[in-house]
Amino acid sequence: MDSLKNVLYWLIANSLGGFNRGRIIEELFTKPQNANELSKSLEIEYKTIRYHLKVLEENGLLTSVGGGYGRTYFPTETLETNKQYFAEIWDKIGKKPNKD
């Protein structure tokens, strides 16, 4: 199994908060957004969005441009190239919250 796939599986399917991380990634595949836009579109608390963005960026799945409130997030080139891994995992867990 590819290491990116392992990281995606761990962050989405095997950890608390994985459902929200999956929703964030799914939303960012549609268009780049800042934390405030994601908070509104996904109806998730701003601080929660910021936490998940940090986790995803630290694990090499997202990148950002700009600073402060306008910092805009994008999937990394690696994630874009391997989008099928995300789709496979996201479909497998049924796009439902973890029951942990």
PDB file of N, CA and C in Angstrom:
ATOM      1  N   MET A   1       0.855  -1.187   0.000  1.00  0.00           N
ATOM      2  CA  MET A   1       0.000   0.000   0.000  1.00  0.00           C
ATOM      3  C   MET A   1       0.897   1.246   0.000  1.00  0.00           C
ATOM      4  N   ASP A   2       0.576   2.189  -0.816  1.00  0.00           N
ATOM      5  CA  ASP A   2       1.327   3.429  -0.939  1.00  0.00           C
ATOM      6  C   ASP A   2       1.289   4.204   0.380  1.00  0.00           C
ATOM      7  N   SER A   3       2.386   4.893   0.717  1.00  0.00           N
ATOM      8  CA  SER A   3       2.433   5.628   1.988  1.00  0.00           C
ATOM      9  C   SER A   3       1.390   6.742   2.053  1.00  0.00           C
ATOM     10  N   LEU A   4       1.103   7.403   0.927  1.00  0.00           N
ATOM     11  CA  LEU A   4       0.053   8.423   0.913  1.00  0.00           C
ATOM     12  C   LEU A   4      -1.297   7.801   1.249  1.00  0.00           C
ATOM     13  N   LYS A   5      -1.548   6.636   0.708  1.00  0.00           N
ATOM     14  CA  LYS A   5      -2.802   5.941   0.990  1.00  0.00           C
ATOM     15  C   LYS A   5      -2.887   5.588   2.477  1.00  0.00           C
ATOM     16  N   ASN A   6      -1.773   5.182   3.052  1.00  0.00           N
ATOM     17  CA  ASN A   6      -1.741   4.876   4.489  1.00  0.00           C
ATOM     18  C   ASN A   6      -2.076   6.106   5.322  1.00  0.00           C
ATOM     19  N   VAL A   7      -1.468   7.231   4.970  1.00  0.00           N
ATOM     20  CA  VAL A   7      -1.719   8.472   5.704  1.00  0.00           C
ATOM     21  C   VAL A   7      -3.187   8.875   5.566  1.00  0.00           C
ATOM     22  N   LEU A   8      -3.708   8.815   4.354  1.00  0.00           N
ATOM     23  CA  LEU A   8      -5.125   9.149   4.137  1.00  0.00           C
ATOM     24  C   LEU A   8      -6.029   8.244   4.956  1.00  0.00           C
ATOM     25  N   TYR A   9      -5.742   6.956   4.934  1.00  0.00           N
ATOM     26  CA  TYR A   9      -6.572   6.005   5.681  1.00  0.00           C
ATOM     27  C   TYR A   9      -6.549   6.338   7.173  1.00  0.00           C
ATOM     28  N   TRP A  10      -5.367   6.593   7.692  1.00  0.00           N
ATOM     29  CA  TRP A  10      -5.231   6.914   9.118  1.00  0.00           C
ATOM     30  C   TRP A  10      -5.969   8.196   9.470  1.00  0.00           C
ATOM     31  N   LEU A  11      -5.815   9.246   8.651  1.00  0.00           N
ATOM     32  CA  LEU A  11      -6.413  10.545   8.964  1.00  0.00           C
ATOM     33  C   LEU A  11      -7.919  10.611   8.722  1.00  0.00           C
ATOM     34  N   ILE A  12      -8.436   9.759   7.852  1.00  0.00           N
ATOM     35  CA  ILE A  12      -9.857   9.829   7.509  1.00  0.00           C
ATOM     36  C   ILE A  12     -10.659   8.686   8.120  1.00  0.00           C
ATOM     37  N   ALA A  13     -10.175   7.478   7.959  1.00  0.00           N
ATOM     38  CA  ALA A  13     -10.972   6.318   8.377  1.00  0.00           C
ATOM     39  C   ALA A  13     -10.670   5.830   9.784  1.00  0.00           C
ATOM     40  N   ASN A  14      -9.490   6.121  10.286  1.00  0.00           N
ATOM     41  CA  ASN A  14      -9.080   5.519  11.551  1.00  0.00           C
ATOM     42  C   ASN A  14      -8.806   6.506  12.669  1.00  0.00           C
ATOM     43  N   SER A  15      -9.329   7.703  12.572  1.00  0.00           N
ATOM     44  CA  SER A  15      -9.099   8.646  13.661  1.00  0.00           C
ATOM     45  C   SER A  15     -10.340   9.487  13.909  1.00  0.00           C
ATOM     46  N   LEU A  16     -10.465   9.874  15.157  1.00  0.00           N
ATOM     47  CA  LEU A  16     -11.549  10.766  15.524  1.00  0.00           C
ATOM     48  C   LEU A  16     -11.349  12.065  14.746  1.00  0.00           C
ATOM     49  N   GLY A  17     -12.374  12.587  14.165  1.00  0.00           N
ATOM     50  CA  GLY A  17     -12.248  13.789  13.348  1.00  0.00           C
ATOM     51  C   GLY A  17     -12.029  13.480  11.881  1.00  0.00           C
ATOM     52  N   GLY A  18     -11.872  12.217  11.556  1.00  0.00           N
ATOM     53  CA  GLY A  18     -11.624  11.818  10.176  1.00  0.00           C
ATOM     54  C   GLY A  18     -12.755  12.192   9.222  1.00  0.00           C
ATOM     55  N   PHE A  19     -13.974  12.105   9.711  1.00  0.00           N
ATOM     56  CA  PHE A  19     -15.119  12.463   8.875  1.00  0.00           C
ATOM     57  C   PHE A  19     -15.040  13.927   8.455  1.00  0.00           C
ATOM     58  N   ASN A  20     -14.740  14.812   9.400  1.00  0.00           N
ATOM     59  CA  ASN A  20     -14.611  16.229   9.059  1.00  0.00           C
ATOM     60  C   ASN A  20     -13.425  16.482   8.140  1.00  0.00           C
ATOM     61  N   ARG A  21     -12.327  15.763   8.346  1.00  0.00           N
ATOM     62  CA  ARG A  21     -11.176  15.914   7.459  1.00  0.00           C
ATOM     63  C   ARG A  21     -11.533  15.485   6.040  1.00  0.00           C
ATOM     64  N   GLY A  22     -12.286  14.408   5.933  1.00  0.00           N
ATOM     65  CA  GLY A  22     -12.729  13.952   4.611  1.00  0.00           C
ATOM     66  C   GLY A  22     -13.612  14.982   3.932  1.00  0.00           C
ATOM     67  N   ARG A  23     -14.498  15.578   4.698  1.00  0.00           N
ATOM     68  CA  ARG A  23     -15.374  16.609   4.141  1.00  0.00           C
ATOM     69  C   ARG A  23     -14.576  17.820   3.676  1.00  0.00           C
ATOM     70  N   ILE A  24     -13.552  18.191   4.443  1.00  0.00           N
ATOM     71  CA  ILE A  24     -12.699  19.324   4.077  1.00  0.00           C
ATOM     72  C   ILE A  24     -11.966  19.026   2.771  1.00  0.00           C
ATOM     73  N   ILE A  25     -11.354  17.855   2.684  1.00  0.00           N
ATOM     74  CA  ILE A  25     -10.632  17.489   1.461  1.00  0.00           C
ATOM     75  C   ILE A  25     -11.582  17.476   0.275  1.00  0.00           C
ATOM     76  N   GLU A  26     -12.731  16.865   0.452  1.00  0.00           N
ATOM     77  CA  GLU A  26     -13.727  16.796  -0.621  1.00  0.00           C
ATOM     78  C   GLU A  26     -14.106  18.207  -1.093  1.00  0.00           C
ATOM     79  N   GLU A  27     -14.297  19.107  -0.162  1.00  0.00           N
ATOM     80  CA  GLU A  27     -14.666  20.486  -0.482  1.00  0.00           C
ATOM     81  C   GLU A  27     -13.523  21.205  -1.209  1.00  0.00           C
ATOM     82  N   LEU A  28     -12.297  20.956  -0.790  1.00  0.00           N
ATOM     83  CA  LEU A  28     -11.151  21.628  -1.418  1.00  0.00           C
ATOM     84  C   LEU A  28     -10.844  21.072  -2.809  1.00  0.00           C
ATOM     85  N   PHE A  29     -11.266  19.857  -3.092  1.00  0.00           N
ATOM     86  CA  PHE A  29     -11.138  19.344  -4.458  1.00  0.00           C
ATOM     87  C   PHE A  29     -12.059  20.129  -5.393  1.00  0.00           C
ATOM     88  N   THR A  30     -13.139  20.669  -4.856  1.00  0.00           N
ATOM     89  CA  THR A  30     -14.074  21.453  -5.654  1.00  0.00           C
ATOM     90  C   THR A  30     -13.499  22.821  -5.973  1.00  0.00           C
ATOM     91  N   LYS A  31     -12.970  23.497  -4.927  1.00  0.00           N
ATOM     92  CA  LYS A  31     -12.326  24.807  -5.120  1.00  0.00           C
ATOM     93  C   LYS A  31     -11.514  25.163  -3.887  1.00  0.00           C
ATOM     94  N   PRO A  32     -10.411  25.884  -4.091  1.00  0.00           N
ATOM     95  CA  PRO A  32      -9.608  26.344  -2.947  1.00  0.00           C
ATOM     96  C   PRO A  32     -10.430  27.310  -2.092  1.00  0.00           C
ATOM     97  N   GLN A  33     -10.217  27.235  -0.769  1.00  0.00           N
ATOM     98  CA  GLN A  33     -10.972  28.088   0.144  1.00  0.00           C
ATOM     99  C   GLN A  33     -10.126  28.422   1.364  1.00  0.00           C
ATOM    100  N   ASN A  34     -10.533  29.468   2.071  1.00  0.00           N
ATOM    101  CA  ASN A  34      -9.901  29.771   3.346  1.00  0.00           C
ATOM    102  C   ASN A  34     -10.719  29.114   4.460  1.00  0.00           C
ATOM    103  N   ALA A  35     -10.218  29.203   5.685  1.00  0.00           N
ATOM    104  CA  ALA A  35     -10.872  28.532   6.814  1.00  0.00           C
ATOM    105  C   ALA A  35     -12.286  29.051   7.051  1.00  0.00           C
ATOM    106  N   ASN A  36     -12.483  30.341   6.908  1.00  0.00           N
ATOM    107  CA  ASN A  36     -13.805  30.918   7.126  1.00  0.00           C
ATOM    108  C   ASN A  36     -14.815  30.402   6.100  1.00  0.00           C
ATOM    109  N   GLU A  37     -14.399  30.341   4.840  1.00  0.00           N
ATOM    110  CA  GLU A  37     -15.285  29.813   3.790  1.00  0.00           C
ATOM    111  C   GLU A  37     -15.631  28.349   4.055  1.00  0.00           C
ATOM    112  N   LEU A  38     -14.638  27.570   4.450  1.00  0.00           N
ATOM    113  CA  LEU A  38     -14.889  26.162   4.765  1.00  0.00           C
ATOM    114  C   LEU A  38     -15.836  26.024   5.952  1.00  0.00           C
ATOM    115  N   SER A  39     -15.628  26.845   6.957  1.00  0.00           N
ATOM    116  CA  SER A  39     -16.486  26.815   8.138  1.00  0.00           C
ATOM    117  C   SER A  39     -17.947  27.051   7.759  1.00  0.00           C
ATOM    118  N   LYS A  40     -18.165  28.020   6.912  1.00  0.00           N
ATOM    119  CA  LYS A  40     -19.538  28.333   6.484  1.00  0.00           C
ATOM    120  C   LYS A  40     -20.111  27.256   5.577  1.00  0.00           C
ATOM    121  N   SER A  41     -19.353  26.823   4.584  1.00  0.00           N
ATOM    122  CA  SER A  41     -19.893  25.857   3.629  1.00  0.00           C
ATOM    123  C   SER A  41     -20.127  24.479   4.250  1.00  0.00           C
ATOM    124  N   LEU A  42     -19.295  24.096   5.218  1.00  0.00           N
ATOM    125  CA  LEU A  42     -19.438  22.776   5.846  1.00  0.00           C
ATOM    126  C   LEU A  42     -20.208  22.824   7.165  1.00  0.00           C
ATOM    127  N   GLU A  43     -20.499  24.048   7.624  1.00  0.00           N
ATOM    128  CA  GLU A  43     -21.199  24.237   8.898  1.00  0.00           C
ATOM    129  C   GLU A  43     -20.476  23.544  10.051  1.00  0.00           C
ATOM    130  N   ILE A  44     -19.180  23.844  10.115  1.00  0.00           N
ATOM    131  CA  ILE A  44     -18.309  23.334  11.176  1.00  0.00           C
ATOM    132  C   ILE A  44     -17.682  24.549  11.846  1.00  0.00           C
ATOM    133  N   GLU A  45     -17.545  24.516  13.163  1.00  0.00           N
ATOM    134  CA  GLU A  45     -16.937  25.618  13.902  1.00  0.00           C
ATOM    135  C   GLU A  45     -15.590  26.014  13.295  1.00  0.00           C
ATOM    136  N   TYR A  46     -15.346  27.305  13.243  1.00  0.00           N
ATOM    137  CA  TYR A  46     -14.112  27.848  12.671  1.00  0.00           C
ATOM    138  C   TYR A  46     -12.861  27.239  13.320  1.00  0.00           C
ATOM    139  N   LYS A  47     -12.838  27.157  14.653  1.00  0.00           N
ATOM    140  CA  LYS A  47     -11.669  26.615  15.355  1.00  0.00           C
ATOM    141  C   LYS A  47     -11.443  25.146  15.004  1.00  0.00           C
ATOM    142  N   THR A  48     -12.520  24.412  14.814  1.00  0.00           N
ATOM    143  CA  THR A  48     -12.414  23.004  14.423  1.00  0.00           C
ATOM    144  C   THR A  48     -11.823  22.897  13.022  1.00  0.00           C
ATOM    145  N   ILE A  49     -12.297  23.735  12.118  1.00  0.00           N
ATOM    146  CA  ILE A  49     -11.759  23.761  10.749  1.00  0.00           C
ATOM    147  C   ILE A  49     -10.264  24.057  10.791  1.00  0.00           C
ATOM    148  N   ARG A  50      -9.878  25.072  11.551  1.00  0.00           N
ATOM    149  CA  ARG A  50      -8.464  25.454  11.640  1.00  0.00           C
ATOM    150  C   ARG A  50      -7.618  24.275  12.147  1.00  0.00           C
ATOM    151  N   TYR A  51      -8.117  23.567  13.149  1.00  0.00           N
ATOM    152  CA  TYR A  51      -7.389  22.410  13.686  1.00  0.00           C
ATOM    153  C   TYR A  51      -7.180  21.353  12.598  1.00  0.00           C
ATOM    154  N   HIS A  52      -8.245  21.008  11.888  1.00  0.00           N
ATOM    155  CA  HIS A  52      -8.144  19.967  10.862  1.00  0.00           C
ATOM    156  C   HIS A  52      -7.269  20.406   9.690  1.00  0.00           C
ATOM    157  N   LEU A  53      -7.340  21.673   9.320  1.00  0.00           N
ATOM    158  CA  LEU A  53      -6.469  22.175   8.256  1.00  0.00           C
ATOM    159  C   LEU A  53      -5.003  22.031   8.659  1.00  0.00           C
ATOM    160  N   LYS A  54      -4.703  22.333   9.916  1.00  0.00           N
ATOM    161  CA  LYS A  54      -3.335  22.203  10.414  1.00  0.00           C
ATOM    162  C   LYS A  54      -2.868  20.749  10.334  1.00  0.00           C
ATOM    163  N   VAL A  55      -3.710  19.819  10.779  1.00  0.00           N
ATOM    164  CA  VAL A  55      -3.367  18.395  10.736  1.00  0.00           C
ATOM    165  C   VAL A  55      -3.131  17.944   9.293  1.00  0.00           C
ATOM    166  N   LEU A  56      -4.027  18.338   8.396  1.00  0.00           N
ATOM    167  CA  LEU A  56      -3.899  17.931   6.996  1.00  0.00           C
ATOM    168  C   LEU A  56      -2.663  18.541   6.337  1.00  0.00           C
ATOM    169  N   GLU A  57      -2.364  19.782   6.685  1.00  0.00           N
ATOM    170  CA  GLU A  57      -1.183  20.432   6.111  1.00  0.00           C
ATOM    171  C   GLU A  57       0.096  19.804   6.668  1.00  0.00           C
ATOM    172  N   GLU A  58       0.128  19.528   7.966  1.00  0.00           N
ATOM    173  CA  GLU A  58       1.303  18.910   8.585  1.00  0.00           C
ATOM    174  C   GLU A  58       1.594  17.522   8.017  1.00  0.00           C
ATOM    175  N   ASN A  59       0.555  16.853   7.528  1.00  0.00           N
ATOM    176  CA  ASN A  59       0.716  15.515   6.974  1.00  0.00           C
ATOM    177  C   ASN A  59       0.850  15.515   5.454  1.00  0.00           C
ATOM    178  N   GLY A  60       1.069  16.683   4.870  1.00  0.00           N
ATOM    179  CA  GLY A  60       1.390  16.786   3.455  1.00  0.00           C
ATOM    180  C   GLY A  60       0.229  16.611   2.490  1.00  0.00           C
ATOM    181  N   LEU A  61      -1.000  16.760   2.987  1.00  0.00           N
ATOM    182  CA  LEU A  61      -2.158  16.603   2.105  1.00  0.00           C
ATOM    183  C   LEU A  61      -2.670  17.932   1.571  1.00  0.00           C
ATOM    184  N   LEU A  62      -2.422  18.994   2.306  1.00  0.00           N
ATOM    185  CA  LEU A  62      -2.849  20.330   1.886  1.00  0.00           C
ATOM    186  C   LEU A  62      -1.656  21.261   1.869  1.00  0.00           C
ATOM    187  N   THR A  63      -1.789  22.296   1.074  1.00  0.00           N
ATOM    188  CA  THR A  63      -0.825  23.383   1.062  1.00  0.00           C
ATOM    189  C   THR A  63      -1.620  24.680   1.132  1.00  0.00           C
ATOM    190  N   SER A  64      -0.956  25.764   1.480  1.00  0.00           N
ATOM    191  CA  SER A  64      -1.679  27.025   1.604  1.00  0.00           C
ATOM    192  C   SER A  64      -0.867  28.169   1.029  1.00  0.00           C
ATOM    193  N   VAL A  65      -1.593  29.222   0.684  1.00  0.00           N
ATOM    194  CA  VAL A  65      -0.986  30.432   0.148  1.00  0.00           C
ATOM    195  C   VAL A  65      -1.596  31.608   0.893  1.00  0.00           C
ATOM    196  N   GLY A  66      -0.761  32.612   1.183  1.00  0.00           N
ATOM    197  CA  GLY A  66      -1.258  33.784   1.886  1.00  0.00           C
ATOM    198  C   GLY A  66      -1.085  33.632   3.385  1.00  0.00           C
ATOM    199  N   GLY A  67      -1.681  34.567   4.106  1.00  0.00           N
ATOM    200  CA  GLY A  67      -1.552  34.534   5.547  1.00  0.00           C
ATOM    201  C   GLY A  67      -2.786  35.072   6.233  1.00  0.00           C
ATOM    202  N   GLY A  68      -2.803  34.916   7.534  1.00  0.00           N
ATOM    203  CA  GLY A  68      -3.927  35.404   8.327  1.00  0.00           C
ATOM    204  C   GLY A  68      -5.241  34.763   7.919  1.00  0.00           C
ATOM    205  N   TYR A  69      -6.311  35.555   8.020  1.00  0.00           N
ATOM    206  CA  TYR A  69      -7.643  35.031   7.714  1.00  0.00           C
ATOM    207  C   TYR A  69      -7.820  34.695   6.238  1.00  0.00           C
ATOM    208  N   GLY A  70      -7.006  35.292   5.385  1.00  0.00           N
ATOM    209  CA  GLY A  70      -7.137  35.046   3.951  1.00  0.00           C
ATOM    210  C   GLY A  70      -6.359  33.852   3.446  1.00  0.00           C
ATOM    211  N   ARG A  71      -5.626  33.171   4.349  1.00  0.00           N
ATOM    212  CA  ARG A  71      -4.839  32.005   3.926  1.00  0.00           C
ATOM    213  C   ARG A  71      -5.757  31.020   3.220  1.00  0.00           C
ATOM    214  N   THR A  72      -5.385  30.680   1.997  1.00  0.00           N
ATOM    215  CA  THR A  72      -6.216  29.810   1.168  1.00  0.00           C
ATOM    216  C   THR A  72      -5.569  28.441   1.057  1.00  0.00           C
ATOM    217  N   TYR A  73      -6.373  27.402   1.173  1.00  0.00           N
ATOM    218  CA  TYR A  73      -5.899  26.015   1.198  1.00  0.00           C
ATOM    219  C   TYR A  73      -6.238  25.295  -0.099  1.00  0.00           C
ATOM    220  N   PHE A  74      -5.301  24.439  -0.512  1.00  0.00           N
ATOM    221  CA  PHE A  74      -5.418  23.645  -1.731  1.00  0.00           C
ATOM    222  C   PHE A  74      -4.944  22.225  -1.430  1.00  0.00           C
ATOM    223  N   PRO A  75      -5.460  21.226  -2.146  1.00  0.00           N
ATOM    224  CA  PRO A  75      -4.845  19.900  -2.056  1.00  0.00           C
ATOM    225  C   PRO A  75      -3.428  19.988  -2.636  1.00  0.00           C
ATOM    226  N   THR A  76      -2.489  19.250  -2.082  1.00  0.00           N
ATOM    227  CA  THR A  76      -1.138  19.229  -2.630  1.00  0.00           C
ATOM    228  C   THR A  76      -1.173  18.569  -4.007  1.00  0.00           C
ATOM    229  N   GLU A  77      -0.127  18.793  -4.758  1.00  0.00           N
ATOM    230  CA  GLU A  77      -0.014  18.166  -6.083  1.00  0.00           C
ATOM    231  C   GLU A  77      -0.040  16.647  -5.946  1.00  0.00           C
ATOM    232  N   THR A  78       0.617  16.142  -4.907  1.00  0.00           N
ATOM    233  CA  THR A  78       0.636  14.693  -4.667  1.00  0.00           C
ATOM    234  C   THR A  78      -0.767  14.162  -4.421  1.00  0.00           C
ATOM    235  N   LEU A  79      -1.543  14.872  -3.615  1.00  0.00           N
ATOM    236  CA  LEU A  79      -2.917  14.438  -3.351  1.00  0.00           C
ATOM    237  C   LEU A  79      -3.761  14.527  -4.623  1.00  0.00           C
ATOM    238  N   GLU A  80      -3.597  15.600  -5.375  1.00  0.00           N
ATOM    239  CA  GLU A  80      -4.328  15.739  -6.645  1.00  0.00           C
ATOM    240  C   GLU A  80      -4.020  14.574  -7.586  1.00  0.00           C
ATOM    241  N   THR A  81      -2.743  14.242  -7.673  1.00  0.00           N
ATOM    242  CA  THR A  81      -2.311  13.154  -8.556  1.00  0.00           C
ATOM    243  C   THR A  81      -2.874  11.810  -8.107  1.00  0.00           C
ATOM    244  N   ASN A  82      -3.021  11.651  -6.812  1.00  0.00           N
ATOM    245  CA  ASN A  82      -3.496  10.378  -6.252  1.00  0.00           C
ATOM    246  C   ASN A  82      -4.901  10.495  -5.668  1.00  0.00           C
ATOM    247  N   LYS A  83      -5.705  11.303  -6.286  1.00  0.00           N
ATOM    248  CA  LYS A  83      -7.068  11.555  -5.823  1.00  0.00           C
ATOM    249  C   LYS A  83      -7.878  10.259  -5.670  1.00  0.00           C
ATOM    250  N   GLN A  84      -7.545   9.262  -6.470  1.00  0.00           N
ATOM    251  CA  GLN A  84      -8.267   7.991  -6.416  1.00  0.00           C
ATOM    252  C   GLN A  84      -8.133   7.319  -5.050  1.00  0.00           C
ATOM    253  N   TYR A  85      -7.007   7.536  -4.351  1.00  0.00           N
ATOM    254  CA  TYR A  85      -6.844   6.971  -3.010  1.00  0.00           C
ATOM    255  C   TYR A  85      -7.872   7.573  -2.059  1.00  0.00           C
ATOM    256  N   PHE A  86      -7.997   8.895  -2.128  1.00  0.00           N
ATOM    257  CA  PHE A  86      -8.992   9.553  -1.288  1.00  0.00           C
ATOM    258  C   PHE A  86     -10.389   9.029  -1.612  1.00  0.00           C
ATOM    259  N   ALA A  87     -10.721   8.978  -2.892  1.00  0.00           N
ATOM    260  CA  ALA A  87     -12.061   8.524  -3.310  1.00  0.00           C
ATOM    261  C   ALA A  87     -12.334   7.105  -2.835  1.00  0.00           C
ATOM    262  N   GLU A  88     -11.350   6.251  -2.944  1.00  0.00           N
ATOM    263  CA  GLU A  88     -11.503   4.851  -2.519  1.00  0.00           C
ATOM    264  C   GLU A  88     -11.796   4.759  -1.020  1.00  0.00           C
ATOM    265  N   ILE A  89     -11.029   5.481  -0.218  1.00  0.00           N
ATOM    266  CA  ILE A  89     -11.211   5.457   1.235  1.00  0.00           C
ATOM    267  C   ILE A  89     -12.520   6.133   1.617  1.00  0.00           C
ATOM    268  N   TRP A  90     -12.801   7.274   1.023  1.00  0.00           N
ATOM    269  CA  TRP A  90     -14.004   8.044   1.336  1.00  0.00           C
ATOM    270  C   TRP A  90     -15.252   7.230   0.999  1.00  0.00           C
ATOM    271  N   ASP A  91     -15.234   6.535  -0.128  1.00  0.00           N
ATOM    272  CA  ASP A  91     -16.368   5.678  -0.500  1.00  0.00           C
ATOM    273  C   ASP A  91     -16.472   4.466   0.430  1.00  0.00           C
ATOM    274  N   LYS A  92     -15.342   3.934   0.820  1.00  0.00           N
ATOM    275  CA  LYS A  92     -15.305   2.744   1.673  1.00  0.00           C
ATOM    276  C   LYS A  92     -15.912   3.000   3.057  1.00  0.00           C
ATOM    277  N   ILE A  93     -15.621   4.152   3.637  1.00  0.00           N
ATOM    278  CA  ILE A  93     -16.166   4.427   4.970  1.00  0.00           C
ATOM    279  C   ILE A  93     -17.585   4.962   4.889  1.00  0.00           C
ATOM    280  N   GLY A  94     -18.094   5.066   3.675  1.00  0.00           N
ATOM    281  CA  GLY A  94     -19.485   5.457   3.504  1.00  0.00           C
ATOM    282  C   GLY A  94     -19.760   6.922   3.742  1.00  0.00           C
ATOM    283  N   LYS A  95     -18.705   7.746   3.787  1.00  0.00           N
ATOM    284  CA  LYS A  95     -18.883   9.183   4.005  1.00  0.00           C
ATOM    285  C   LYS A  95     -19.713   9.460   5.246  1.00  0.00           C
ATOM    286  N   LYS A  96     -19.547   8.606   6.243  1.00  0.00           N
ATOM    287  CA  LYS A  96     -20.288   8.749   7.496  1.00  0.00           C
ATOM    288  C   LYS A  96     -19.317   8.995   8.637  1.00  0.00           C
ATOM    289  N   PRO A  97     -19.760   9.706   9.669  1.00  0.00           N
ATOM    290  CA  PRO A  97     -18.872   9.939  10.811  1.00  0.00           C
ATOM    291  C   PRO A  97     -18.400   8.641  11.450  1.00  0.00           C
ATOM    292  N   ASN A  98     -17.170   8.651  11.962  1.00  0.00           N
ATOM    293  CA  ASN A  98     -16.654   7.503  12.712  1.00  0.00           C
ATOM    294  C   ASN A  98     -17.512   7.301  13.951  1.00  0.00           C
ATOM    295  N   LYS A  99     -17.637   6.071  14.366  1.00  0.00           N
ATOM    296  CA  LYS A  99     -18.473   5.767  15.529  1.00  0.00           C
ATOM    297  C   LYS A  99     -17.649   5.600  16.793  1.00  0.00           C
ATOM    298  N   ASP A 100     -16.452   6.172  16.820  1.00  0.00           N
ATOM    299  CA  ASP A 100     -15.561   6.052  17.989  1.00  0.00           C
ATOM    300  C   ASP A 100     -16.065   6.876  19.146  1.00  0.00           C
TER     301      ASP A 100
END
